[in-house]
Amino acid sequence: MTHEYVSYCLESGLERIDLGARSGCVDLAMAGDRRAQNGDAPSRRPPLPVPDLVGEKVRLRAWTADDAPVLAAAWTDPEIVSWTGVPADRSLEAAERWIALEVERRRDRLALDLVAVPTRPGEDRVLGEVGLGPIQWDRRRAVVGYWTAAGERGRGIATEAVGLLSDWALDALALDELVAETSVGNPPSAAVLRAVGFELAVERDNRQAWRLRA
């Protein structure tokens, strides 16, 4: 169960569903332009918090430096590479840099990326990732992305993680809508969104755009 990060816009009748562009890394060089576009100056707005979200199977936490080897491995996982946008540089050093910049992404209110780990006390292995970004504050909308680590798929990990973050985002961040994309060739990813309550908005060129409204 992996998420496919959106890379273009889809048309649905007269409504343009701009799903933005989300890859394994957020281009912080563009942060100023994105803040201006979103009308969201970090000097006037608090950084995105790390929510305390716990379900029956997973709890969500922030990435740490110790997670870098797992993230680098995920970026080279054939399943994740097939369905998910990953950075060109998939080295351990690149993973370390991406994690180190997570604080800046939250500070600039660009994105929120969280790790899914077991709920059981004493267990902290990475089961997968779930995130929001880019967040279009002017439209009260965010893109949802996720992936599940090899060996952890098929257990409902992604469904619970996406559900926890989606419910929180619509409530705590007062977003109006969450959007996501899947490929027709990846039914498990679509099943995750459908189970959480996302509805299929449009399908084109073997791509499916999904939305969840508050």
N, C-alpha and C. Protein backbone atom coordinates (compact mmCIF):
# COMPACT_ATOMS: atom_id res chain seq x y z
N MET A 1 0.85 -1.19 0.00
CA MET A 1 0.00 0.00 0.00
C MET A 1 0.89 1.24 0.00
N THR A 2 1.03 1.84 -1.13
CA THR A 2 1.85 3.03 -1.20
C THR A 2 1.08 4.15 -1.86
N HIS A 3 1.46 5.37 -1.53
CA HIS A 3 0.77 6.51 -2.10
C HIS A 3 1.51 7.03 -3.30
N GLU A 4 0.79 7.59 -4.22
CA GLU A 4 1.39 8.16 -5.42
C GLU A 4 1.27 9.68 -5.37
N TYR A 5 2.40 10.34 -5.24
CA TYR A 5 2.39 11.79 -5.11
C TYR A 5 1.97 12.46 -6.41
N VAL A 6 1.15 13.46 -6.30
CA VAL A 6 0.52 14.09 -7.45
C VAL A 6 1.50 14.98 -8.18
N SER A 7 1.48 14.93 -9.49
CA SER A 7 2.45 15.70 -10.27
C SER A 7 1.82 16.58 -11.33
N TYR A 8 0.49 16.61 -11.40
CA TYR A 8 -0.14 17.46 -12.39
C TYR A 8 -1.57 17.72 -11.98
N CYS A 9 -2.31 18.46 -12.81
CA CYS A 9 -3.69 18.81 -12.49
C CYS A 9 -4.65 17.92 -13.26
N LEU A 10 -5.78 17.66 -12.68
CA LEU A 10 -6.82 16.90 -13.34
C LEU A 10 -8.05 17.78 -13.51
N GLU A 11 -8.74 17.58 -14.61
CA GLU A 11 -9.94 18.34 -14.89
C GLU A 11 -11.18 17.49 -14.57
N SER A 12 -12.14 18.10 -13.93
CA SER A 12 -13.40 17.41 -13.65
C SER A 12 -14.53 18.37 -13.98
N GLY A 13 -15.06 18.24 -15.20
CA GLY A 13 -16.10 19.17 -15.62
C GLY A 13 -15.56 20.59 -15.66
N LEU A 14 -16.27 21.52 -15.00
CA LEU A 14 -15.84 22.91 -14.96
C LEU A 14 -14.90 23.18 -13.81
N GLU A 15 -14.71 22.16 -12.95
CA GLU A 15 -13.90 22.38 -11.76
C GLU A 15 -12.48 21.89 -11.98
N ARG A 16 -11.53 22.72 -11.74
CA ARG A 16 -10.13 22.35 -11.87
C ARG A 16 -9.63 21.88 -10.51
N ILE A 17 -9.25 20.63 -10.41
CA ILE A 17 -8.74 20.08 -9.17
C ILE A 17 -7.23 20.17 -9.20
N ASP A 18 -6.68 21.20 -8.61
CA ASP A 18 -5.24 21.40 -8.59
C ASP A 18 -4.69 20.63 -7.40
N LEU A 19 -4.08 19.48 -7.69
CA LEU A 19 -3.57 18.64 -6.61
C LEU A 19 -2.12 18.98 -6.27
N GLY A 20 -1.57 19.98 -6.91
CA GLY A 20 -0.24 20.41 -6.53
C GLY A 20 0.83 19.44 -7.00
N ALA A 21 1.97 19.47 -6.33
CA ALA A 21 3.09 18.60 -6.67
C ALA A 21 3.81 18.24 -5.39
N ARG A 22 3.85 16.94 -5.09
CA ARG A 22 4.48 16.51 -3.85
C ARG A 22 5.46 15.40 -4.18
N SER A 23 6.69 15.57 -3.76
CA SER A 23 7.69 14.54 -4.00
C SER A 23 8.32 14.18 -2.68
N GLY A 24 9.35 13.33 -2.74
CA GLY A 24 9.98 12.91 -1.50
C GLY A 24 10.62 14.06 -0.75
N CYS A 25 10.94 15.15 -1.43
CA CYS A 25 11.54 16.30 -0.78
C CYS A 25 10.74 17.56 -1.12
N VAL A 26 10.65 18.48 -0.18
CA VAL A 26 10.03 19.78 -0.43
C VAL A 26 11.13 20.76 -0.78
N ASP A 27 10.97 21.49 -1.86
CA ASP A 27 11.97 22.45 -2.30
C ASP A 27 11.86 23.70 -1.45
N LEU A 28 12.70 23.80 -0.44
CA LEU A 28 12.62 24.95 0.47
C LEU A 28 13.10 26.23 -0.19
N ALA A 29 13.80 26.11 -1.33
CA ALA A 29 14.20 27.31 -2.04
C ALA A 29 12.99 28.07 -2.55
N MET A 30 11.87 27.35 -2.71
CA MET A 30 10.65 27.97 -3.20
C MET A 30 9.73 28.39 -2.05
N ALA A 31 10.20 28.25 -0.82
CA ALA A 31 9.33 28.49 0.33
C ALA A 31 8.74 29.89 0.33
N GLY A 32 9.56 30.89 -0.01
CA GLY A 32 9.05 32.25 0.00
C GLY A 32 7.94 32.45 -1.00
N ASP A 33 8.12 31.91 -2.21
CA ASP A 33 7.10 32.04 -3.24
C ASP A 33 5.82 31.32 -2.82
N ARG A 34 5.95 30.15 -2.23
CA ARG A 34 4.78 29.40 -1.83
C ARG A 34 4.05 30.09 -0.69
N ARG A 35 4.80 30.68 0.25
CA ARG A 35 4.15 31.39 1.35
C ARG A 35 3.40 32.59 0.82
N ALA A 36 4.00 33.28 -0.16
CA ALA A 36 3.32 34.44 -0.72
C ALA A 36 2.04 34.02 -1.44
N GLN A 37 2.16 32.90 -2.18
CA GLN A 37 0.99 32.40 -2.91
C GLN A 37 -0.10 31.97 -1.94
N ASN A 38 0.31 31.36 -0.84
CA ASN A 38 -0.65 30.85 0.12
C ASN A 38 -1.12 31.91 1.11
N GLY A 39 -0.51 33.10 1.07
CA GLY A 39 -0.90 34.14 2.01
C GLY A 39 -0.62 33.74 3.44
N ASP A 40 0.51 33.07 3.65
CA ASP A 40 0.79 32.49 4.95
C ASP A 40 2.21 32.83 5.37
N ALA A 41 2.41 33.95 6.03
CA ALA A 41 3.72 34.37 6.46
C ALA A 41 4.07 33.69 7.77
N PRO A 42 5.20 32.94 7.83
CA PRO A 42 5.54 32.21 9.04
C PRO A 42 5.79 33.13 10.23
N SER A 43 6.18 34.38 9.96
CA SER A 43 6.42 35.30 11.06
C SER A 43 5.14 35.63 11.81
N ARG A 44 4.00 35.44 11.15
CA ARG A 44 2.72 35.76 11.78
C ARG A 44 1.92 34.52 12.17
N ARG A 45 2.36 33.36 11.72
CA ARG A 45 1.62 32.14 11.97
C ARG A 45 2.50 31.14 12.70
N PRO A 46 1.95 30.38 13.62
CA PRO A 46 2.76 29.38 14.33
C PRO A 46 3.14 28.24 13.42
N PRO A 47 4.23 27.53 13.71
CA PRO A 47 4.59 26.37 12.89
C PRO A 47 3.56 25.26 13.04
N LEU A 48 3.54 24.38 12.09
CA LEU A 48 2.65 23.22 12.18
C LEU A 48 3.08 22.36 13.36
N PRO A 49 2.15 21.95 14.18
CA PRO A 49 2.50 21.11 15.33
C PRO A 49 2.71 19.66 14.93
N VAL A 50 3.32 18.90 15.81
CA VAL A 50 3.39 17.45 15.65
C VAL A 50 2.28 16.87 16.52
N PRO A 51 1.19 16.43 15.92
CA PRO A 51 0.05 15.98 16.71
C PRO A 51 0.32 14.66 17.43
N ASP A 52 -0.33 14.47 18.55
CA ASP A 52 -0.24 13.22 19.30
C ASP A 52 -1.40 12.34 18.86
N LEU A 53 -1.16 11.49 17.89
CA LEU A 53 -2.22 10.67 17.29
C LEU A 53 -1.90 9.19 17.48
N VAL A 54 -2.82 8.49 18.11
CA VAL A 54 -2.62 7.07 18.42
C VAL A 54 -3.87 6.30 18.04
N GLY A 55 -3.69 5.21 17.32
CA GLY A 55 -4.80 4.33 16.96
C GLY A 55 -4.62 2.96 17.58
N GLU A 56 -5.36 1.97 17.11
CA GLU A 56 -5.25 0.62 17.63
C GLU A 56 -3.94 -0.04 17.21
N LYS A 57 -3.47 0.29 15.99
CA LYS A 57 -2.27 -0.36 15.46
C LYS A 57 -1.06 0.54 15.43
N VAL A 58 -1.28 1.84 15.18
CA VAL A 58 -0.15 2.75 14.99
C VAL A 58 -0.29 4.01 15.81
N ARG A 59 0.84 4.60 16.07
CA ARG A 59 0.88 5.98 16.58
C ARG A 59 1.78 6.76 15.62
N LEU A 60 1.51 8.03 15.50
CA LEU A 60 2.28 8.88 14.60
C LEU A 60 3.23 9.76 15.38
N ARG A 61 4.45 9.86 14.90
CA ARG A 61 5.46 10.70 15.54
C ARG A 61 6.28 11.40 14.47
N ALA A 62 7.12 12.33 14.90
CA ALA A 62 8.00 13.03 13.97
C ALA A 62 9.16 12.12 13.56
N TRP A 63 9.72 12.42 12.40
CA TRP A 63 10.94 11.74 11.97
C TRP A 63 12.10 12.13 12.88
N THR A 64 13.02 11.20 13.08
CA THR A 64 14.24 11.49 13.84
C THR A 64 15.44 11.09 13.00
N ALA A 65 16.61 11.55 13.38
CA ALA A 65 17.83 11.23 12.64
C ALA A 65 18.07 9.73 12.58
N ASP A 66 17.65 9.01 13.61
CA ASP A 66 17.85 7.56 13.64
C ASP A 66 17.03 6.83 12.57
N ASP A 67 16.02 7.51 12.02
CA ASP A 67 15.16 6.89 11.00
C ASP A 67 15.75 6.97 9.60
N ALA A 68 16.86 7.68 9.43
CA ALA A 68 17.39 7.93 8.09
C ALA A 68 17.67 6.64 7.30
N PRO A 69 18.26 5.60 7.90
CA PRO A 69 18.50 4.38 7.11
C PRO A 69 17.20 3.75 6.60
N VAL A 70 16.15 3.80 7.40
CA VAL A 70 14.87 3.23 6.97
C VAL A 70 14.28 4.05 5.83
N LEU A 71 14.39 5.37 5.91
CA LEU A 71 13.87 6.23 4.85
C LEU A 71 14.64 6.01 3.56
N ALA A 72 15.97 5.93 3.65
CA ALA A 72 16.78 5.68 2.44
C ALA A 72 16.41 4.34 1.81
N ALA A 73 16.16 3.34 2.64
CA ALA A 73 15.76 2.03 2.12
C ALA A 73 14.39 2.10 1.45
N ALA A 74 13.48 2.87 2.02
CA ALA A 74 12.15 3.02 1.43
C ALA A 74 12.23 3.68 0.07
N TRP A 75 13.13 4.63 -0.10
CA TRP A 75 13.27 5.32 -1.37
C TRP A 75 13.78 4.40 -2.48
N THR A 76 14.33 3.24 -2.12
CA THR A 76 14.80 2.29 -3.13
C THR A 76 13.93 1.03 -3.18
N ASP A 77 12.90 0.97 -2.38
CA ASP A 77 11.96 -0.16 -2.40
C ASP A 77 11.22 -0.15 -3.74
N PRO A 78 11.28 -1.23 -4.51
CA PRO A 78 10.64 -1.25 -5.84
C PRO A 78 9.17 -0.87 -5.81
N GLU A 79 8.43 -1.33 -4.80
CA GLU A 79 7.01 -0.99 -4.71
C GLU A 79 6.81 0.50 -4.52
N ILE A 80 7.59 1.09 -3.63
CA ILE A 80 7.46 2.52 -3.35
C ILE A 80 7.91 3.34 -4.56
N VAL A 81 8.99 2.91 -5.19
CA VAL A 81 9.48 3.62 -6.38
C VAL A 81 8.45 3.55 -7.50
N SER A 82 7.76 2.42 -7.63
CA SER A 82 6.79 2.24 -8.72
C SER A 82 5.60 3.17 -8.59
N TRP A 83 5.15 3.43 -7.36
CA TRP A 83 3.90 4.15 -7.17
C TRP A 83 4.06 5.52 -6.51
N THR A 84 5.25 5.83 -6.04
CA THR A 84 5.45 7.04 -5.24
C THR A 84 6.57 7.88 -5.81
N GLY A 85 6.43 9.19 -5.76
CA GLY A 85 7.50 10.09 -6.17
C GLY A 85 8.60 10.09 -5.12
N VAL A 86 9.80 9.70 -5.50
CA VAL A 86 10.94 9.71 -4.59
C VAL A 86 12.03 10.60 -5.18
N PRO A 87 12.91 11.14 -4.34
CA PRO A 87 13.95 12.03 -4.86
C PRO A 87 14.98 11.29 -5.70
N ALA A 88 15.65 12.02 -6.57
CA ALA A 88 16.67 11.41 -7.42
C ALA A 88 17.84 10.90 -6.58
N ASP A 89 18.20 11.67 -5.56
CA ASP A 89 19.27 11.26 -4.64
C ASP A 89 18.64 10.46 -3.52
N ARG A 90 18.89 9.17 -3.50
CA ARG A 90 18.26 8.28 -2.52
C ARG A 90 19.29 7.75 -1.52
N SER A 91 20.35 8.50 -1.35
CA SER A 91 21.43 8.07 -0.46
C SER A 91 21.05 8.29 1.00
N LEU A 92 21.81 7.69 1.90
CA LEU A 92 21.61 7.89 3.33
C LEU A 92 21.78 9.36 3.68
N GLU A 93 22.76 10.01 3.05
CA GLU A 93 22.98 11.43 3.34
C GLU A 93 21.79 12.27 2.91
N ALA A 94 21.17 11.93 1.78
CA ALA A 94 19.98 12.66 1.34
C ALA A 94 18.83 12.46 2.31
N ALA A 95 18.67 11.24 2.81
CA ALA A 95 17.62 10.98 3.79
C ALA A 95 17.86 11.77 5.07
N GLU A 96 19.10 11.86 5.48
CA GLU A 96 19.45 12.63 6.68
C GLU A 96 19.11 14.10 6.49
N ARG A 97 19.42 14.63 5.28
CA ARG A 97 19.11 16.04 5.01
C ARG A 97 17.60 16.27 5.00
N TRP A 98 16.86 15.35 4.37
CA TRP A 98 15.40 15.50 4.30
C TRP A 98 14.79 15.53 5.69
N ILE A 99 15.24 14.64 6.55
CA ILE A 99 14.72 14.61 7.91
C ILE A 99 15.10 15.88 8.66
N ALA A 100 16.33 16.35 8.48
CA ALA A 100 16.78 17.56 9.17
C ALA A 100 15.96 18.78 8.77
N LEU A 101 15.46 18.79 7.53
CA LEU A 101 14.68 19.93 7.05
C LEU A 101 13.21 19.85 7.45
N GLU A 102 12.81 18.78 8.11
CA GLU A 102 11.41 18.63 8.48
C GLU A 102 10.95 19.76 9.39
N VAL A 103 11.82 20.21 10.28
CA VAL A 103 11.47 21.31 11.18
C VAL A 103 11.18 22.57 10.39
N GLU A 104 11.99 22.81 9.34
CA GLU A 104 11.78 24.00 8.52
C GLU A 104 10.47 23.91 7.73
N ARG A 105 10.17 22.72 7.23
CA ARG A 105 8.91 22.57 6.49
C ARG A 105 7.71 22.86 7.40
N ARG A 106 7.79 22.40 8.63
CA ARG A 106 6.70 22.70 9.57
C ARG A 106 6.69 24.17 9.95
N ARG A 107 7.87 24.73 10.16
CA ARG A 107 7.95 26.15 10.52
C ARG A 107 7.36 27.02 9.43
N ASP A 108 7.64 26.68 8.18
CA ASP A 108 7.13 27.46 7.05
C ASP A 108 5.74 27.02 6.62
N ARG A 109 5.16 26.06 7.35
CA ARG A 109 3.79 25.62 7.11
C ARG A 109 3.60 25.08 5.70
N LEU A 110 4.65 24.43 5.19
CA LEU A 110 4.60 23.86 3.85
C LEU A 110 4.09 22.43 3.87
N ALA A 111 4.52 21.68 4.86
CA ALA A 111 4.19 20.26 4.88
C ALA A 111 4.38 19.70 6.29
N LEU A 112 3.73 18.56 6.52
CA LEU A 112 3.86 17.83 7.78
C LEU A 112 4.03 16.36 7.43
N ASP A 113 5.18 15.81 7.77
CA ASP A 113 5.47 14.41 7.48
C ASP A 113 5.69 13.66 8.78
N LEU A 114 4.97 12.55 8.96
CA LEU A 114 5.02 11.80 10.20
C LEU A 114 5.33 10.33 9.94
N VAL A 115 5.92 9.70 10.94
CA VAL A 115 6.24 8.28 10.89
C VAL A 115 5.14 7.49 11.60
N ALA A 116 4.76 6.38 11.03
CA ALA A 116 3.84 5.46 11.69
C ALA A 116 4.66 4.37 12.36
N VAL A 117 4.48 4.21 13.66
CA VAL A 117 5.19 3.19 14.43
C VAL A 117 4.15 2.38 15.22
N PRO A 118 4.52 1.22 15.74
CA PRO A 118 3.54 0.42 16.48
C PRO A 118 3.02 1.14 17.72
N THR A 119 1.77 0.87 18.04
CA THR A 119 1.17 1.46 19.24
C THR A 119 1.73 0.81 20.50
N ARG A 120 2.12 -0.45 20.42
CA ARG A 120 2.58 -1.17 21.59
C ARG A 120 3.78 -0.49 22.24
N PRO A 121 3.77 -0.32 23.55
CA PRO A 121 4.90 0.31 24.26
C PRO A 121 6.20 -0.45 24.01
N GLY A 122 7.26 0.32 23.86
CA GLY A 122 8.57 -0.29 23.66
C GLY A 122 8.92 -0.60 22.22
N GLU A 123 7.96 -0.49 21.31
CA GLU A 123 8.22 -0.74 19.89
C GLU A 123 8.22 0.58 19.13
N ASP A 124 9.26 0.79 18.33
CA ASP A 124 9.37 2.07 17.64
C ASP A 124 9.84 1.90 16.20
N ARG A 125 9.71 0.70 15.64
CA ARG A 125 10.17 0.50 14.26
C ARG A 125 9.25 1.25 13.30
N VAL A 126 9.81 1.69 12.20
CA VAL A 126 9.06 2.45 11.21
C VAL A 126 8.19 1.50 10.40
N LEU A 127 6.88 1.71 10.48
CA LEU A 127 5.93 0.92 9.70
C LEU A 127 5.62 1.59 8.36
N GLY A 128 5.76 2.90 8.33
CA GLY A 128 5.44 3.65 7.12
C GLY A 128 5.46 5.13 7.40
N GLU A 129 4.97 5.88 6.43
CA GLU A 129 4.94 7.34 6.54
C GLU A 129 3.61 7.87 6.05
N VAL A 130 3.16 8.95 6.64
CA VAL A 130 1.97 9.64 6.17
C VAL A 130 2.23 11.14 6.30
N GLY A 131 1.75 11.90 5.34
CA GLY A 131 2.05 13.33 5.39
C GLY A 131 1.03 14.19 4.68
N LEU A 132 1.14 15.46 4.95
CA LEU A 132 0.35 16.49 4.29
C LEU A 132 1.31 17.42 3.57
N GLY A 133 1.02 17.74 2.32
CA GLY A 133 1.85 18.70 1.65
C GLY A 133 1.88 18.48 0.14
N PRO A 134 1.88 19.54 -0.65
CA PRO A 134 1.83 20.91 -0.14
C PRO A 134 0.46 21.24 0.46
N ILE A 135 0.49 22.20 1.37
CA ILE A 135 -0.76 22.69 1.96
C ILE A 135 -1.09 24.03 1.31
N GLN A 136 -2.24 24.10 0.69
CA GLN A 136 -2.69 25.33 0.02
C GLN A 136 -3.61 26.08 0.99
N TRP A 137 -2.99 26.96 1.76
CA TRP A 137 -3.77 27.63 2.81
C TRP A 137 -4.85 28.53 2.24
N ASP A 138 -4.60 29.12 1.07
CA ASP A 138 -5.60 30.00 0.48
C ASP A 138 -6.86 29.23 0.04
N ARG A 139 -6.71 27.93 -0.18
CA ARG A 139 -7.85 27.10 -0.59
C ARG A 139 -8.26 26.14 0.52
N ARG A 140 -7.60 26.23 1.65
CA ARG A 140 -7.89 25.34 2.78
C ARG A 140 -7.84 23.89 2.33
N ARG A 141 -6.78 23.55 1.62
CA ARG A 141 -6.65 22.23 1.00
C ARG A 141 -5.23 21.71 1.18
N ALA A 142 -5.10 20.39 1.29
CA ALA A 142 -3.77 19.77 1.38
C ALA A 142 -3.77 18.45 0.64
N VAL A 143 -2.61 18.09 0.14
CA VAL A 143 -2.41 16.79 -0.50
C VAL A 143 -1.98 15.80 0.58
N VAL A 144 -2.55 14.61 0.54
CA VAL A 144 -2.20 13.54 1.48
C VAL A 144 -1.33 12.52 0.75
N GLY A 145 -0.25 12.10 1.40
CA GLY A 145 0.62 11.07 0.84
C GLY A 145 0.97 10.04 1.90
N TYR A 146 1.30 8.84 1.45
CA TYR A 146 1.66 7.80 2.41
C TYR A 146 2.39 6.66 1.71
N TRP A 147 3.13 5.91 2.48
CA TRP A 147 3.69 4.64 2.02
C TRP A 147 3.82 3.72 3.22
N THR A 148 3.88 2.43 2.95
CA THR A 148 4.03 1.42 3.98
C THR A 148 5.30 0.63 3.71
N ALA A 149 6.06 0.36 4.76
CA ALA A 149 7.32 -0.35 4.61
C ALA A 149 7.10 -1.79 4.16
N ALA A 150 8.08 -2.32 3.44
CA ALA A 150 8.03 -3.73 3.02
C ALA A 150 7.92 -4.60 4.27
N GLY A 151 7.09 -5.60 4.19
CA GLY A 151 6.90 -6.50 5.32
C GLY A 151 5.79 -6.07 6.25
N GLU A 152 5.28 -4.83 6.05
CA GLU A 152 4.21 -4.32 6.91
C GLU A 152 2.91 -4.12 6.14
N ARG A 153 2.92 -4.43 4.85
CA ARG A 153 1.75 -4.17 4.01
C ARG A 153 0.66 -5.21 4.21
N GLY A 154 -0.56 -4.79 3.94
CA GLY A 154 -1.68 -5.71 4.04
C GLY A 154 -2.22 -5.88 5.44
N ARG A 155 -1.80 -5.03 6.38
CA ARG A 155 -2.25 -5.15 7.77
C ARG A 155 -3.09 -3.96 8.22
N GLY A 156 -3.43 -3.08 7.28
CA GLY A 156 -4.24 -1.92 7.65
C GLY A 156 -3.45 -0.78 8.24
N ILE A 157 -2.12 -0.82 8.12
CA ILE A 157 -1.28 0.23 8.68
C ILE A 157 -1.57 1.57 8.01
N ALA A 158 -1.54 1.59 6.67
CA ALA A 158 -1.76 2.84 5.95
C ALA A 158 -3.16 3.38 6.19
N THR A 159 -4.14 2.49 6.22
CA THR A 159 -5.52 2.95 6.42
C THR A 159 -5.66 3.67 7.75
N GLU A 160 -5.11 3.10 8.81
CA GLU A 160 -5.24 3.75 10.11
C GLU A 160 -4.43 5.04 10.17
N ALA A 161 -3.22 5.03 9.62
CA ALA A 161 -2.38 6.23 9.65
C ALA A 161 -3.02 7.37 8.87
N VAL A 162 -3.52 7.07 7.67
CA VAL A 162 -4.16 8.11 6.86
C VAL A 162 -5.42 8.61 7.54
N GLY A 163 -6.18 7.71 8.15
CA GLY A 163 -7.39 8.12 8.84
C GLY A 163 -7.11 9.03 10.03
N LEU A 164 -6.09 8.69 10.81
CA LEU A 164 -5.74 9.51 11.96
C LEU A 164 -5.34 10.92 11.54
N LEU A 165 -4.46 11.00 10.55
CA LEU A 165 -3.97 12.31 10.12
C LEU A 165 -5.06 13.11 9.41
N SER A 166 -5.88 12.45 8.62
CA SER A 166 -6.93 13.16 7.89
C SER A 166 -7.95 13.78 8.85
N ASP A 167 -8.40 13.00 9.82
CA ASP A 167 -9.36 13.52 10.79
C ASP A 167 -8.78 14.71 11.53
N TRP A 168 -7.52 14.59 11.93
CA TRP A 168 -6.87 15.68 12.66
C TRP A 168 -6.73 16.93 11.78
N ALA A 169 -6.30 16.75 10.53
CA ALA A 169 -6.05 17.89 9.65
C ALA A 169 -7.32 18.68 9.37
N LEU A 170 -8.41 17.98 9.11
CA LEU A 170 -9.67 18.68 8.82
C LEU A 170 -10.18 19.43 10.05
N ASP A 171 -9.89 18.91 11.22
CA ASP A 171 -10.35 19.53 12.46
C ASP A 171 -9.37 20.57 12.98
N ALA A 172 -8.17 20.15 13.34
CA ALA A 172 -7.21 21.03 14.00
C ALA A 172 -6.67 22.11 13.07
N LEU A 173 -6.48 21.80 11.80
CA LEU A 173 -5.97 22.80 10.85
C LEU A 173 -7.09 23.53 10.13
N ALA A 174 -8.32 23.14 10.40
CA ALA A 174 -9.49 23.78 9.79
C ALA A 174 -9.41 23.77 8.27
N LEU A 175 -8.92 22.68 7.70
CA LEU A 175 -8.90 22.54 6.25
C LEU A 175 -10.28 22.15 5.76
N ASP A 176 -10.59 22.55 4.54
CA ASP A 176 -11.88 22.21 3.95
C ASP A 176 -11.83 20.92 3.15
N GLU A 177 -10.62 20.58 2.68
CA GLU A 177 -10.55 19.45 1.76
C GLU A 177 -9.15 18.84 1.77
N LEU A 178 -9.11 17.52 1.65
CA LEU A 178 -7.87 16.79 1.44
C LEU A 178 -7.97 16.09 0.09
N VAL A 179 -6.88 16.04 -0.64
CA VAL A 179 -6.88 15.41 -1.96
C VAL A 179 -5.72 14.43 -2.05
N ALA A 180 -5.86 13.45 -2.92
CA ALA A 180 -4.83 12.45 -3.12
C ALA A 180 -4.97 11.88 -4.51
N GLU A 181 -3.95 11.11 -4.93
CA GLU A 181 -3.97 10.51 -6.25
C GLU A 181 -3.49 9.07 -6.17
N THR A 182 -4.07 8.22 -6.96
CA THR A 182 -3.61 6.84 -7.10
C THR A 182 -3.56 6.48 -8.57
N SER A 183 -2.93 5.35 -8.85
CA SER A 183 -2.93 4.79 -10.19
C SER A 183 -3.97 3.68 -10.26
N VAL A 184 -4.59 3.54 -11.42
CA VAL A 184 -5.54 2.46 -11.62
C VAL A 184 -4.87 1.11 -11.38
N GLY A 185 -3.57 1.06 -11.61
CA GLY A 185 -2.83 -0.19 -11.43
C GLY A 185 -2.45 -0.50 -10.00
N ASN A 186 -2.86 0.33 -9.07
CA ASN A 186 -2.51 0.11 -7.66
C ASN A 186 -3.77 0.12 -6.79
N PRO A 187 -4.62 -0.89 -6.93
CA PRO A 187 -5.88 -0.92 -6.18
C PRO A 187 -5.71 -0.84 -4.67
N PRO A 188 -4.66 -1.42 -4.05
CA PRO A 188 -4.56 -1.31 -2.59
C PRO A 188 -4.47 0.13 -2.10
N SER A 189 -3.80 0.99 -2.88
CA SER A 189 -3.69 2.38 -2.49
C SER A 189 -5.05 3.07 -2.54
N ALA A 190 -5.83 2.76 -3.58
CA ALA A 190 -7.17 3.31 -3.68
C ALA A 190 -8.05 2.79 -2.55
N ALA A 191 -7.84 1.53 -2.16
CA ALA A 191 -8.64 0.95 -1.08
C ALA A 191 -8.40 1.67 0.24
N VAL A 192 -7.18 2.11 0.46
CA VAL A 192 -6.86 2.88 1.67
C VAL A 192 -7.71 4.15 1.71
N LEU A 193 -7.70 4.89 0.62
CA LEU A 193 -8.44 6.15 0.58
C LEU A 193 -9.94 5.92 0.71
N ARG A 194 -10.42 4.91 0.02
CA ARG A 194 -11.85 4.61 0.08
C ARG A 194 -12.27 4.24 1.50
N ALA A 195 -11.44 3.48 2.20
CA ALA A 195 -11.75 3.06 3.57
C ALA A 195 -11.78 4.25 4.53
N VAL A 196 -10.97 5.26 4.24
CA VAL A 196 -10.92 6.44 5.11
C VAL A 196 -12.09 7.38 4.85
N GLY A 197 -12.70 7.27 3.66
CA GLY A 197 -13.83 8.13 3.33
C GLY A 197 -13.62 9.02 2.14
N PHE A 198 -12.45 8.93 1.48
CA PHE A 198 -12.21 9.70 0.27
C PHE A 198 -13.15 9.22 -0.83
N GLU A 199 -13.56 10.14 -1.69
CA GLU A 199 -14.40 9.82 -2.83
C GLU A 199 -13.63 10.07 -4.12
N LEU A 200 -13.84 9.22 -5.10
CA LEU A 200 -13.19 9.38 -6.39
C LEU A 200 -13.78 10.61 -7.08
N ALA A 201 -12.92 11.57 -7.42
CA ALA A 201 -13.37 12.81 -8.04
C ALA A 201 -13.28 12.74 -9.56
N VAL A 202 -12.21 12.15 -10.07
CA VAL A 202 -12.04 12.08 -11.52
C VAL A 202 -11.00 11.03 -11.83
N GLU A 203 -11.14 10.40 -12.98
CA GLU A 203 -10.16 9.41 -13.45
C GLU A 203 -9.76 9.77 -14.87
N ARG A 204 -8.46 9.78 -15.12
CA ARG A 204 -7.96 10.14 -16.45
C ARG A 204 -6.58 9.56 -16.66
N ASP A 205 -6.35 9.01 -17.83
CA ASP A 205 -5.04 8.48 -18.18
C ASP A 205 -4.52 7.52 -17.12
N ASN A 206 -5.39 6.64 -16.64
CA ASN A 206 -5.03 5.63 -15.64
C ASN A 206 -4.66 6.24 -14.29
N ARG A 207 -5.01 7.50 -14.08
CA ARG A 207 -4.77 8.15 -12.80
C ARG A 207 -6.13 8.49 -12.17
N GLN A 208 -6.18 8.42 -10.85
CA GLN A 208 -7.41 8.70 -10.13
C GLN A 208 -7.16 9.81 -9.10
N ALA A 209 -8.00 10.81 -9.11
CA ALA A 209 -7.92 11.89 -8.12
C ALA A 209 -9.03 11.68 -7.09
N TRP A 210 -8.67 11.78 -5.82
CA TRP A 210 -9.59 11.54 -4.72
C TRP A 210 -9.70 12.78 -3.85
N ARG A 211 -10.83 12.92 -3.17
CA ARG A 211 -11.00 14.06 -2.28
C ARG A 211 -11.80 13.65 -1.05
N LEU A 212 -11.48 14.30 0.05
CA LEU A 212 -12.19 14.13 1.30
C LEU A 212 -12.53 15.51 1.82
N ARG A 213 -13.81 15.81 1.96
CA ARG A 213 -14.22 17.13 2.39
C ARG A 213 -14.63 17.12 3.86
N ALA A 214 -14.42 18.25 4.50
CA ALA A 214 -14.78 18.37 5.92
C ALA A 214 -16.29 18.29 6.10
